[in-house]
Amino acid sequence: MPINKAKNYYLGKGSTRLNCAQSVIKAFQEHFGYDDKLVAEFLACGGGRAPGGVCGAYFAAKHLLQKKDPAKLTEFDNWFLEKAGSLQCREIREKRQLSCLGCVEKAAEFIARQ
């Protein structure tokens, strides 16, 4: 299941530990037919370094959703904001409403439901 895969990649269970953004991309890699190059590109998007300072897991899920079902982007924005309390990595970590692992889980959950 992609949700557990994403969490395991983030935790480094059974593989090299990936950042939040990479974990979400890697979990859906086969489903979307991506190669390892894309996973490597998302190395720059973890730890608050995604464009605009947004959560890396959120950013990765947006990338996947753009390919899968762009009509769901606004729904995802609102859903993730409700779960995490913000879209900004720094604010999410400060509020502690959702952990980084929780962000990975929720981002993967939304994509898996689509």
PDB file of N, CA and C in Angstrom:
ATOM      1  N   MET A   1       0.853  -1.190   0.000  1.00  0.00           N
ATOM      2  CA  MET A   1       0.000   0.000   0.000  1.00  0.00           C
ATOM      3  C   MET A   1       0.893   1.246   0.000  1.00  0.00           C
ATOM      4  N   PRO A   2       0.594   2.211  -0.867  1.00  0.00           N
ATOM      5  CA  PRO A   2       1.456   3.393  -0.988  1.00  0.00           C
ATOM      6  C   PRO A   2       1.624   4.208   0.296  1.00  0.00           C
ATOM      7  N   ILE A   3       0.608   4.242   1.136  1.00  0.00           N
ATOM      8  CA  ILE A   3       0.713   5.032   2.366  1.00  0.00           C
ATOM      9  C   ILE A   3       1.804   4.452   3.256  1.00  0.00           C
ATOM     10  N   ASN A   4       1.785   3.152   3.455  1.00  0.00           N
ATOM     11  CA  ASN A   4       2.825   2.512   4.270  1.00  0.00           C
ATOM     12  C   ASN A   4       4.190   2.599   3.612  1.00  0.00           C
ATOM     13  N   LYS A   5       4.229   2.484   2.290  1.00  0.00           N
ATOM     14  CA  LYS A   5       5.497   2.638   1.574  1.00  0.00           C
ATOM     15  C   LYS A   5       6.090   4.016   1.846  1.00  0.00           C
ATOM     16  N   ALA A   6       5.277   5.048   1.732  1.00  0.00           N
ATOM     17  CA  ALA A   6       5.749   6.418   1.948  1.00  0.00           C
ATOM     18  C   ALA A   6       6.305   6.576   3.361  1.00  0.00           C
ATOM     19  N   LYS A   7       5.570   6.067   4.341  1.00  0.00           N
ATOM     20  CA  LYS A   7       6.038   6.162   5.727  1.00  0.00           C
ATOM     21  C   LYS A   7       7.350   5.408   5.919  1.00  0.00           C
ATOM     22  N   ASN A   8       7.447   4.222   5.345  1.00  0.00           N
ATOM     23  CA  ASN A   8       8.667   3.423   5.486  1.00  0.00           C
ATOM     24  C   ASN A   8       9.861   4.078   4.808  1.00  0.00           C
ATOM     25  N   TYR A   9       9.657   4.682   3.649  1.00  0.00           N
ATOM     26  CA  TYR A   9      10.755   5.403   2.995  1.00  0.00           C
ATOM     27  C   TYR A   9      11.223   6.563   3.871  1.00  0.00           C
ATOM     28  N   TYR A  10      10.264   7.259   4.479  1.00  0.00           N
ATOM     29  CA  TYR A  10      10.621   8.388   5.339  1.00  0.00           C
ATOM     30  C   TYR A  10      11.398   7.925   6.575  1.00  0.00           C
ATOM     31  N   LEU A  11      11.001   6.804   7.114  1.00  0.00           N
ATOM     32  CA  LEU A  11      11.652   6.269   8.317  1.00  0.00           C
ATOM     33  C   LEU A  11      12.919   5.473   8.000  1.00  0.00           C
ATOM     34  N   GLY A  12      13.144   5.196   6.727  1.00  0.00           N
ATOM     35  CA  GLY A  12      14.324   4.427   6.332  1.00  0.00           C
ATOM     36  C   GLY A  12      14.197   2.942   6.582  1.00  0.00           C
ATOM     37  N   LYS A  13      12.973   2.455   6.671  1.00  0.00           N
ATOM     38  CA  LYS A  13      12.753   1.019   6.902  1.00  0.00           C
ATOM     39  C   LYS A  13      12.903   0.258   5.593  1.00  0.00           C
ATOM     40  N   GLY A  14      13.911  -0.592   5.530  1.00  0.00           N
ATOM     41  CA  GLY A  14      14.124  -1.417   4.354  1.00  0.00           C
ATOM     42  C   GLY A  14      14.796  -0.722   3.192  1.00  0.00           C
ATOM     43  N   SER A  15      15.165   0.524   3.385  1.00  0.00           N
ATOM     44  CA  SER A  15      15.844   1.256   2.313  1.00  0.00           C
ATOM     45  C   SER A  15      16.565   2.453   2.918  1.00  0.00           C
ATOM     46  N   THR A  16      17.207   3.205   2.071  1.00  0.00           N
ATOM     47  CA  THR A  16      17.825   4.449   2.518  1.00  0.00           C
ATOM     48  C   THR A  16      16.724   5.413   2.928  1.00  0.00           C
ATOM     49  N   ARG A  17      16.945   6.154   3.995  1.00  0.00           N
ATOM     50  CA  ARG A  17      15.946   7.113   4.457  1.00  0.00           C
ATOM     51  C   ARG A  17      15.820   8.244   3.437  1.00  0.00           C
ATOM     52  N   LEU A  18      14.604   8.537   3.061  1.00  0.00           N
ATOM     53  CA  LEU A  18      14.323   9.618   2.121  1.00  0.00           C
ATOM     54  C   LEU A  18      13.676  10.780   2.859  1.00  0.00           C
ATOM     55  N   ASN A  19      13.750  11.971   2.287  1.00  0.00           N
ATOM     56  CA  ASN A  19      13.072  13.101   2.919  1.00  0.00           C
ATOM     57  C   ASN A  19      11.569  13.012   2.641  1.00  0.00           C
ATOM     58  N   CYS A  20      10.825  13.945   3.194  1.00  0.00           N
ATOM     59  CA  CYS A  20       9.364  13.892   3.096  1.00  0.00           C
ATOM     60  C   CYS A  20       8.875  13.911   1.650  1.00  0.00           C
ATOM     61  N   ALA A  21       9.425  14.799   0.841  1.00  0.00           N
ATOM     62  CA  ALA A  21       8.993  14.918  -0.549  1.00  0.00           C
ATOM     63  C   ALA A  21       9.355  13.668  -1.347  1.00  0.00           C
ATOM     64  N   GLN A  22      10.579  13.203  -1.186  1.00  0.00           N
ATOM     65  CA  GLN A  22      11.019  12.001  -1.895  1.00  0.00           C
ATOM     66  C   GLN A  22      10.182  10.787  -1.511  1.00  0.00           C
ATOM     67  N   SER A  23       9.828  10.696  -0.252  1.00  0.00           N
ATOM     68  CA  SER A  23       9.063   9.544   0.232  1.00  0.00           C
ATOM     69  C   SER A  23       7.717   9.428  -0.465  1.00  0.00           C
ATOM     70  N   VAL A  24       7.059  10.560  -0.649  1.00  0.00           N
ATOM     71  CA  VAL A  24       5.756  10.552  -1.320  1.00  0.00           C
ATOM     72  C   VAL A  24       5.926  10.184  -2.797  1.00  0.00           C
ATOM     73  N   ILE A  25       6.897  10.787  -3.453  1.00  0.00           N
ATOM     74  CA  ILE A  25       7.142  10.483  -4.866  1.00  0.00           C
ATOM     75  C   ILE A  25       7.507   9.012  -5.049  1.00  0.00           C
ATOM     76  N   LYS A  26       8.420   8.521  -4.222  1.00  0.00           N
ATOM     77  CA  LYS A  26       8.898   7.136  -4.340  1.00  0.00           C
ATOM     78  C   LYS A  26       7.768   6.129  -4.115  1.00  0.00           C
ATOM     79  N   ALA A  27       6.872   6.427  -3.188  1.00  0.00           N
ATOM     80  CA  ALA A  27       5.768   5.512  -2.883  1.00  0.00           C
ATOM     81  C   ALA A  27       4.847   5.299  -4.086  1.00  0.00           C
ATOM     82  N   PHE A  28       4.763   6.293  -4.950  1.00  0.00           N
ATOM     83  CA  PHE A  28       3.881   6.214  -6.116  1.00  0.00           C
ATOM     84  C   PHE A  28       4.656   6.080  -7.426  1.00  0.00           C
ATOM     85  N   GLN A  29       5.938   5.831  -7.325  1.00  0.00           N
ATOM     86  CA  GLN A  29       6.818   5.777  -8.490  1.00  0.00           C
ATOM     87  C   GLN A  29       6.334   4.780  -9.540  1.00  0.00           C
ATOM     88  N   GLU A  30       6.041   3.573  -9.134  1.00  0.00           N
ATOM     89  CA  GLU A  30       5.595   2.547 -10.080  1.00  0.00           C
ATOM     90  C   GLU A  30       4.243   2.904 -10.689  1.00  0.00           C
ATOM     91  N   HIS A  31       3.339   3.382  -9.851  1.00  0.00           N
ATOM     92  CA  HIS A  31       1.992   3.726 -10.309  1.00  0.00           C
ATOM     93  C   HIS A  31       2.028   4.778 -11.422  1.00  0.00           C
ATOM     94  N   PHE A  32       2.902   5.773 -11.266  1.00  0.00           N
ATOM     95  CA  PHE A  32       2.986   6.860 -12.236  1.00  0.00           C
ATOM     96  C   PHE A  32       4.037   6.617 -13.318  1.00  0.00           C
ATOM     97  N   GLY A  33       4.840   5.575 -13.149  1.00  0.00           N
ATOM     98  CA  GLY A  33       5.862   5.264 -14.138  1.00  0.00           C
ATOM     99  C   GLY A  33       7.064   6.192 -14.117  1.00  0.00           C
ATOM    100  N   TYR A  34       7.362   6.769 -12.960  1.00  0.00           N
ATOM    101  CA  TYR A  34       8.517   7.662 -12.828  1.00  0.00           C
ATOM    102  C   TYR A  34       9.787   6.853 -12.621  1.00  0.00           C
ATOM    103  N   ASP A  35      10.911   7.426 -13.038  1.00  0.00           N
ATOM    104  CA  ASP A  35      12.195   6.780 -12.773  1.00  0.00           C
ATOM    105  C   ASP A  35      12.835   7.415 -11.535  1.00  0.00           C
ATOM    106  N   ASP A  36      13.986   6.901 -11.168  1.00  0.00           N
ATOM    107  CA  ASP A  36      14.661   7.390  -9.962  1.00  0.00           C
ATOM    108  C   ASP A  36      15.145   8.829 -10.085  1.00  0.00           C
ATOM    109  N   LYS A  37      15.237   9.335 -11.298  1.00  0.00           N
ATOM    110  CA  LYS A  37      15.680  10.720 -11.499  1.00  0.00           C
ATOM    111  C   LYS A  37      14.733  11.704 -10.806  1.00  0.00           C
ATOM    112  N   LEU A  38      13.437  11.466 -10.925  1.00  0.00           N
ATOM    113  CA  LEU A  38      12.474  12.366 -10.288  1.00  0.00           C
ATOM    114  C   LEU A  38      12.595  12.295  -8.768  1.00  0.00           C
ATOM    115  N   VAL A  39      12.761  11.103  -8.241  1.00  0.00           N
ATOM    116  CA  VAL A  39      12.941  10.949  -6.791  1.00  0.00           C
ATOM    117  C   VAL A  39      14.156  11.761  -6.350  1.00  0.00           C
ATOM    118  N   ALA A  40      15.239  11.692  -7.108  1.00  0.00           N
ATOM    119  CA  ALA A  40      16.455  12.442  -6.786  1.00  0.00           C
ATOM    120  C   ALA A  40      16.216  13.949  -6.865  1.00  0.00           C
ATOM    121  N   GLU A  41      15.428  14.397  -7.824  1.00  0.00           N
ATOM    122  CA  GLU A  41      15.132  15.828  -7.957  1.00  0.00           C
ATOM    123  C   GLU A  41      14.404  16.366  -6.730  1.00  0.00           C
ATOM    124  N   PHE A  42      13.593  15.543  -6.103  1.00  0.00           N
ATOM    125  CA  PHE A  42      12.833  15.987  -4.937  1.00  0.00           C
ATOM    126  C   PHE A  42      13.685  16.021  -3.661  1.00  0.00           C
ATOM    127  N   LEU A  43      14.957  15.642  -3.763  1.00  0.00           N
ATOM    128  CA  LEU A  43      15.879  15.793  -2.635  1.00  0.00           C
ATOM    129  C   LEU A  43      15.939  17.251  -2.195  1.00  0.00           C
ATOM    130  N   ALA A  44      15.829  18.155  -3.136  1.00  0.00           N
ATOM    131  CA  ALA A  44      15.912  19.584  -2.846  1.00  0.00           C
ATOM    132  C   ALA A  44      14.633  20.150  -2.228  1.00  0.00           C
ATOM    133  N   CYS A  45      13.617  19.329  -2.043  1.00  0.00           N
ATOM    134  CA  CYS A  45      12.315  19.831  -1.582  1.00  0.00           C
ATOM    135  C   CYS A  45      11.950  19.415  -0.164  1.00  0.00           C
ATOM    136  N   GLY A  46      12.848  18.762   0.545  1.00  0.00           N
ATOM    137  CA  GLY A  46      12.561  18.347   1.917  1.00  0.00           C
ATOM    138  C   GLY A  46      13.022  19.389   2.919  1.00  0.00           C
ATOM    139  N   GLY A  47      12.559  19.257   4.139  1.00  0.00           N
ATOM    140  CA  GLY A  47      13.024  20.122   5.224  1.00  0.00           C
ATOM    141  C   GLY A  47      12.723  21.594   5.042  1.00  0.00           C
ATOM    142  N   GLY A  48      11.583  21.910   4.455  1.00  0.00           N
ATOM    143  CA  GLY A  48      11.189  23.306   4.298  1.00  0.00           C
ATOM    144  C   GLY A  48      11.789  23.983   3.084  1.00  0.00           C
ATOM    145  N   ARG A  49      12.412  23.216   2.206  1.00  0.00           N
ATOM    146  CA  ARG A  49      13.064  23.812   1.034  1.00  0.00           C
ATOM    147  C   ARG A  49      12.234  23.718  -0.242  1.00  0.00           C
ATOM    148  N   ALA A  50      11.025  23.235  -0.150  1.00  0.00           N
ATOM    149  CA  ALA A  50      10.149  23.227  -1.328  1.00  0.00           C
ATOM    150  C   ALA A  50       9.837  24.679  -1.686  1.00  0.00           C
ATOM    151  N   PRO A  51       9.490  24.951  -2.931  1.00  0.00           N
ATOM    152  CA  PRO A  51       9.196  26.330  -3.335  1.00  0.00           C
ATOM    153  C   PRO A  51       8.204  27.016  -2.403  1.00  0.00           C
ATOM    154  N   GLY A  52       8.534  28.226  -2.017  1.00  0.00           N
ATOM    155  CA  GLY A  52       7.667  28.998  -1.135  1.00  0.00           C
ATOM    156  C   GLY A  52       7.674  28.537   0.305  1.00  0.00           C
ATOM    157  N   GLY A  53       8.549  27.598   0.636  1.00  0.00           N
ATOM    158  CA  GLY A  53       8.623  27.103   2.008  1.00  0.00           C
ATOM    159  C   GLY A  53       7.500  26.154   2.391  1.00  0.00           C
ATOM    160  N   VAL A  54       6.772  25.661   1.387  1.00  0.00           N
ATOM    161  CA  VAL A  54       5.677  24.741   1.711  1.00  0.00           C
ATOM    162  C   VAL A  54       6.232  23.396   2.150  1.00  0.00           C
ATOM    163  N   CYS A  55       5.396  22.623   2.789  1.00  0.00           N
ATOM    164  CA  CYS A  55       5.741  21.266   3.221  1.00  0.00           C
ATOM    165  C   CYS A  55       6.143  20.436   2.002  1.00  0.00           C
ATOM    166  N   GLY A  56       7.243  19.714   2.119  1.00  0.00           N
ATOM    167  CA  GLY A  56       7.726  18.897   1.016  1.00  0.00           C
ATOM    168  C   GLY A  56       6.781  17.775   0.639  1.00  0.00           C
ATOM    169  N   ALA A  57       6.168  17.148   1.630  1.00  0.00           N
ATOM    170  CA  ALA A  57       5.211  16.071   1.344  1.00  0.00           C
ATOM    171  C   ALA A  57       4.004  16.627   0.590  1.00  0.00           C
ATOM    172  N   TYR A  58       3.545  17.782   1.020  1.00  0.00           N
ATOM    173  CA  TYR A  58       2.439  18.470   0.343  1.00  0.00           C
ATOM    174  C   TYR A  58       2.830  18.811  -1.097  1.00  0.00           C
ATOM    175  N   PHE A  59       4.025  19.359  -1.270  1.00  0.00           N
ATOM    176  CA  PHE A  59       4.509  19.751  -2.591  1.00  0.00           C
ATOM    177  C   PHE A  59       4.597  18.546  -3.530  1.00  0.00           C
ATOM    178  N   ALA A  60       5.110  17.442  -3.029  1.00  0.00           N
ATOM    179  CA  ALA A  60       5.227  16.223  -3.831  1.00  0.00           C
ATOM    180  C   ALA A  60       3.847  15.693  -4.217  1.00  0.00           C
ATOM    181  N   ALA A  61       2.927  15.702  -3.271  1.00  0.00           N
ATOM    182  CA  ALA A  61       1.570  15.233  -3.558  1.00  0.00           C
ATOM    183  C   ALA A  61       0.897  16.125  -4.599  1.00  0.00           C
ATOM    184  N   LYS A  62       1.138  17.423  -4.522  1.00  0.00           N
ATOM    185  CA  LYS A  62       0.585  18.345  -5.526  1.00  0.00           C
ATOM    186  C   LYS A  62       1.125  17.996  -6.909  1.00  0.00           C
ATOM    187  N   HIS A  63       2.404  17.672  -6.974  1.00  0.00           N
ATOM    188  CA  HIS A  63       3.013  17.283  -8.249  1.00  0.00           C
ATOM    189  C   HIS A  63       2.300  16.046  -8.816  1.00  0.00           C
ATOM    190  N   LEU A  64       2.088  15.054  -7.976  1.00  0.00           N
ATOM    191  CA  LEU A  64       1.419  13.829  -8.414  1.00  0.00           C
ATOM    192  C   LEU A  64      -0.031  14.093  -8.806  1.00  0.00           C
ATOM    193  N   LEU A  65      -0.708  14.897  -8.011  1.00  0.00           N
ATOM    194  CA  LEU A  65      -2.113  15.194  -8.269  1.00  0.00           C
ATOM    195  C   LEU A  65      -2.280  15.980  -9.568  1.00  0.00           C
ATOM    196  N   GLN A  66      -1.325  16.849  -9.858  1.00  0.00           N
ATOM    197  CA  GLN A  66      -1.354  17.613 -11.107  1.00  0.00           C
ATOM    198  C   GLN A  66      -1.377  16.665 -12.306  1.00  0.00           C
ATOM    199  N   LYS A  67      -0.678  15.553 -12.176  1.00  0.00           N
ATOM    200  CA  LYS A  67      -0.636  14.559 -13.251  1.00  0.00           C
ATOM    201  C   LYS A  67      -1.881  13.667 -13.259  1.00  0.00           C
ATOM    202  N   LYS A  68      -2.381  13.354 -12.068  1.00  0.00           N
ATOM    203  CA  LYS A  68      -3.462  12.372 -11.943  1.00  0.00           C
ATOM    204  C   LYS A  68      -4.853  12.986 -12.092  1.00  0.00           C
ATOM    205  N   ASP A  69      -5.103  14.071 -11.362  1.00  0.00           N
ATOM    206  CA  ASP A  69      -6.441  14.664 -11.348  1.00  0.00           C
ATOM    207  C   ASP A  69      -6.356  16.134 -10.938  1.00  0.00           C
ATOM    208  N   PRO A  70      -5.976  17.018 -11.873  1.00  0.00           N
ATOM    209  CA  PRO A  70      -5.795  18.436 -11.544  1.00  0.00           C
ATOM    210  C   PRO A  70      -7.039  19.100 -10.947  1.00  0.00           C
ATOM    211  N   ALA A  71      -8.205  18.573 -11.229  1.00  0.00           N
ATOM    212  CA  ALA A  71      -9.438  19.150 -10.693  1.00  0.00           C
ATOM    213  C   ALA A  71      -9.507  19.029  -9.173  1.00  0.00           C
ATOM    214  N   LYS A  72      -8.694  18.146  -8.599  1.00  0.00           N
ATOM    215  CA  LYS A  72      -8.716  17.914  -7.149  1.00  0.00           C
ATOM    216  C   LYS A  72      -7.708  18.787  -6.388  1.00  0.00           C
ATOM    217  N   LEU A  73      -6.975  19.664  -7.071  1.00  0.00           N
ATOM    218  CA  LEU A  73      -5.919  20.441  -6.411  1.00  0.00           C
ATOM    219  C   LEU A  73      -6.451  21.326  -5.286  1.00  0.00           C
ATOM    220  N   THR A  74      -7.532  22.041  -5.530  1.00  0.00           N
ATOM    221  CA  THR A  74      -8.089  22.915  -4.494  1.00  0.00           C
ATOM    222  C   THR A  74      -8.619  22.100  -3.325  1.00  0.00           C
ATOM    223  N   GLU A  75      -9.270  20.991  -3.621  1.00  0.00           N
ATOM    224  CA  GLU A  75      -9.756  20.109  -2.555  1.00  0.00           C
ATOM    225  C   GLU A  75      -8.585  19.622  -1.698  1.00  0.00           C
ATOM    226  N   PHE A  76      -7.501  19.244  -2.349  1.00  0.00           N
ATOM    227  CA  PHE A  76      -6.320  18.786  -1.614  1.00  0.00           C
ATOM    228  C   PHE A  76      -5.740  19.903  -0.758  1.00  0.00           C
ATOM    229  N   ASP A  77      -5.637  21.109  -1.304  1.00  0.00           N
ATOM    230  CA  ASP A  77      -5.126  22.247  -0.528  1.00  0.00           C
ATOM    231  C   ASP A  77      -5.915  22.408   0.769  1.00  0.00           C
ATOM    232  N   ASN A  78      -7.222  22.441   0.651  1.00  0.00           N
ATOM    233  CA  ASN A  78      -8.084  22.639   1.820  1.00  0.00           C
ATOM    234  C   ASN A  78      -7.994  21.472   2.795  1.00  0.00           C
ATOM    235  N   TRP A  79      -7.966  20.259   2.278  1.00  0.00           N
ATOM    236  CA  TRP A  79      -7.897  19.059   3.113  1.00  0.00           C
ATOM    237  C   TRP A  79      -6.585  19.017   3.887  1.00  0.00           C
ATOM    238  N   PHE A  80      -5.476  19.264   3.195  1.00  0.00           N
ATOM    239  CA  PHE A  80      -4.172  19.213   3.853  1.00  0.00           C
ATOM    240  C   PHE A  80      -4.045  20.336   4.883  1.00  0.00           C
ATOM    241  N   LEU A  81      -4.552  21.514   4.544  1.00  0.00           N
ATOM    242  CA  LEU A  81      -4.524  22.645   5.471  1.00  0.00           C
ATOM    243  C   LEU A  81      -5.291  22.317   6.749  1.00  0.00           C
ATOM    244  N   GLU A  82      -6.419  21.659   6.614  1.00  0.00           N
ATOM    245  CA  GLU A  82      -7.207  21.253   7.785  1.00  0.00           C
ATOM    246  C   GLU A  82      -6.436  20.250   8.649  1.00  0.00           C
ATOM    247  N   LYS A  83      -5.782  19.298   8.011  1.00  0.00           N
ATOM    248  CA  LYS A  83      -5.052  18.258   8.748  1.00  0.00           C
ATOM    249  C   LYS A  83      -3.779  18.787   9.402  1.00  0.00           C
ATOM    250  N   ALA A  84      -3.030  19.639   8.682  1.00  0.00           N
ATOM    251  CA  ALA A  84      -1.710  20.079   9.148  1.00  0.00           C
ATOM    252  C   ALA A  84      -1.721  21.444   9.830  1.00  0.00           C
ATOM    253  N   GLY A  85      -2.760  22.231   9.615  1.00  0.00           N
ATOM    254  CA  GLY A  85      -2.827  23.553  10.224  1.00  0.00           C
ATOM    255  C   GLY A  85      -2.144  24.638   9.418  1.00  0.00           C
ATOM    256  N   SER A  86      -1.432  24.264   8.387  1.00  0.00           N
ATOM    257  CA  SER A  86      -0.733  25.200   7.504  1.00  0.00           C
ATOM    258  C   SER A  86      -0.220  24.419   6.304  1.00  0.00           C
ATOM    259  N   LEU A  87       0.192  25.152   5.290  1.00  0.00           N
ATOM    260  CA  LEU A  87       0.867  24.528   4.150  1.00  0.00           C
ATOM    261  C   LEU A  87       2.370  24.779   4.223  1.00  0.00           C
ATOM    262  N   GLN A  88       2.768  25.676   5.107  1.00  0.00           N
ATOM    263  CA  GLN A  88       4.172  26.058   5.274  1.00  0.00           C
ATOM    264  C   GLN A  88       4.874  25.121   6.247  1.00  0.00           C
ATOM    265  N   CYS A  89       5.994  24.578   5.825  1.00  0.00           N
ATOM    266  CA  CYS A  89       6.728  23.611   6.650  1.00  0.00           C
ATOM    267  C   CYS A  89       7.027  24.166   8.046  1.00  0.00           C
ATOM    268  N   ARG A  90       7.588  25.350   8.095  1.00  0.00           N
ATOM    269  CA  ARG A  90       7.980  25.921   9.383  1.00  0.00           C
ATOM    270  C   ARG A  90       6.779  26.051  10.324  1.00  0.00           C
ATOM    271  N   GLU A  91       5.668  26.515   9.792  1.00  0.00           N
ATOM    272  CA  GLU A  91       4.467  26.684  10.614  1.00  0.00           C
ATOM    273  C   GLU A  91       3.905  25.344  11.070  1.00  0.00           C
ATOM    274  N   ILE A  92       3.942  24.357  10.204  1.00  0.00           N
ATOM    275  CA  ILE A  92       3.457  23.021  10.576  1.00  0.00           C
ATOM    276  C   ILE A  92       4.277  22.484  11.743  1.00  0.00           C
ATOM    277  N   ARG A  93       5.581  22.634  11.650  1.00  0.00           N
ATOM    278  CA  ARG A  93       6.453  22.135  12.723  1.00  0.00           C
ATOM    279  C   ARG A  93       6.251  22.923  14.014  1.00  0.00           C
ATOM    280  N   GLU A  94       6.039  24.227  13.909  1.00  0.00           N
ATOM    281  CA  GLU A  94       5.819  25.039  15.109  1.00  0.00           C
ATOM    282  C   GLU A  94       4.502  24.689  15.790  1.00  0.00           C
ATOM    283  N   LYS A  95       3.449  24.506  15.010  1.00  0.00           N
ATOM    284  CA  LYS A  95       2.126  24.209  15.571  1.00  0.00           C
ATOM    285  C   LYS A  95       2.038  22.798  16.140  1.00  0.00           C
ATOM    286  N   ARG A  96       2.806  21.887  15.577  1.00  0.00           N
ATOM    287  CA  ARG A  96       2.826  20.486  16.008  1.00  0.00           C
ATOM    288  C   ARG A  96       1.459  19.806  15.943  1.00  0.00           C
ATOM    289  N   GLN A  97       0.623  20.296  15.057  1.00  0.00           N
ATOM    290  CA  GLN A  97      -0.677  19.655  14.838  1.00  0.00           C
ATOM    291  C   GLN A  97      -0.482  18.327  14.111  1.00  0.00           C
ATOM    292  N   LEU A  98       0.559  18.279  13.267  1.00  0.00           N
ATOM    293  CA  LEU A  98       0.885  17.081  12.504  1.00  0.00           C
ATOM    294  C   LEU A  98       2.403  16.995  12.415  1.00  0.00           C
ATOM    295  N   SER A  99       2.951  15.819  12.664  1.00  0.00           N
ATOM    296  CA  SER A  99       4.403  15.621  12.566  1.00  0.00           C
ATOM    297  C   SER A  99       4.810  15.544  11.094  1.00  0.00           C
ATOM    298  N   CYS A 100       6.099  15.562  10.845  1.00  0.00           N
ATOM    299  CA  CYS A 100       6.584  15.387   9.467  1.00  0.00           C
ATOM    300  C   CYS A 100       6.144  14.030   8.920  1.00  0.00           C
ATOM    301  N   LEU A 101       6.246  12.994   9.737  1.00  0.00           N
ATOM    302  CA  LEU A 101       5.774  11.674   9.319  1.00  0.00           C
ATOM    303  C   LEU A 101       4.272  11.720   9.029  1.00  0.00           C
ATOM    304  N   GLY A 102       3.541  12.440   9.852  1.00  0.00           N
ATOM    305  CA  GLY A 102       2.106  12.600   9.637  1.00  0.00           C
ATOM    306  C   GLY A 102       1.797  13.308   8.328  1.00  0.00           C
ATOM    307  N   CYS A 103       2.620  14.283   7.971  1.00  0.00           N
ATOM    308  CA  CYS A 103       2.441  14.980   6.691  1.00  0.00           C
ATOM    309  C   CYS A 103       2.664  14.030   5.523  1.00  0.00           C
ATOM    310  N   VAL A 104       3.683  13.198   5.630  1.00  0.00           N
ATOM    311  CA  VAL A 104       3.951  12.190   4.597  1.00  0.00           C
ATOM    312  C   VAL A 104       2.750  11.255   4.481  1.00  0.00           C
ATOM    313  N   GLU A 105       2.255  10.804   5.616  1.00  0.00           N
ATOM    314  CA  GLU A 105       1.117   9.890   5.634  1.00  0.00           C
ATOM    315  C   GLU A 105      -0.122  10.523   5.006  1.00  0.00           C
ATOM    316  N   LYS A 106      -0.440  11.742   5.403  1.00  0.00           N
ATOM    317  CA  LYS A 106      -1.649  12.401   4.899  1.00  0.00           C
ATOM    318  C   LYS A 106      -1.542  12.721   3.412  1.00  0.00           C
ATOM    319  N   ALA A 107      -0.362  13.158   2.975  1.00  0.00           N
ATOM    320  CA  ALA A 107      -0.170  13.449   1.548  1.00  0.00           C
ATOM    321  C   ALA A 107      -0.366  12.180   0.723  1.00  0.00           C
ATOM    322  N   ALA A 108       0.226  11.084   1.172  1.00  0.00           N
ATOM    323  CA  ALA A 108       0.090   9.808   0.465  1.00  0.00           C
ATOM    324  C   ALA A 108      -1.353   9.301   0.520  1.00  0.00           C
ATOM    325  N   GLU A 109      -1.998   9.517   1.643  1.00  0.00           N
ATOM    326  CA  GLU A 109      -3.392   9.076   1.797  1.00  0.00           C
ATOM    327  C   GLU A 109      -4.295   9.734   0.761  1.00  0.00           C
ATOM    328  N   PHE A 110      -4.140  11.033   0.583  1.00  0.00           N
ATOM    329  CA  PHE A 110      -5.001  11.736  -0.368  1.00  0.00           C
ATOM    330  C   PHE A 110      -4.771  11.227  -1.789  1.00  0.00           C
ATOM    331  N   ILE A 111      -3.517  11.060  -2.170  1.00  0.00           N
ATOM    332  CA  ILE A 111      -3.209  10.576  -3.518  1.00  0.00           C
ATOM    333  C   ILE A 111      -3.743   9.151  -3.707  1.00  0.00           C
ATOM    334  N   ALA A 112      -3.598   8.324  -2.708  1.00  0.00           N
ATOM    335  CA  ALA A 112      -4.050   6.933  -2.801  1.00  0.00           C
ATOM    336  C   ALA A 112      -5.566   6.832  -2.981  1.00  0.00           C
ATOM    337  N   ARG A 113      -6.303   7.795  -2.453  1.00  0.00           N
ATOM    338  CA  ARG A 113      -7.767   7.767  -2.555  1.00  0.00           C
ATOM    339  C   ARG A 113      -8.275   8.199  -3.925  1.00  0.00           C
ATOM    340  N   GLN A 114      -7.433   8.810  -4.710  1.00  0.00           N
ATOM    341  CA  GLN A 114      -7.875   9.360  -6.005  1.00  0.00           C
ATOM    342  C   GLN A 114      -7.931   8.309  -7.083  1.00  0.00           C
TER     343      GLN A 114
END
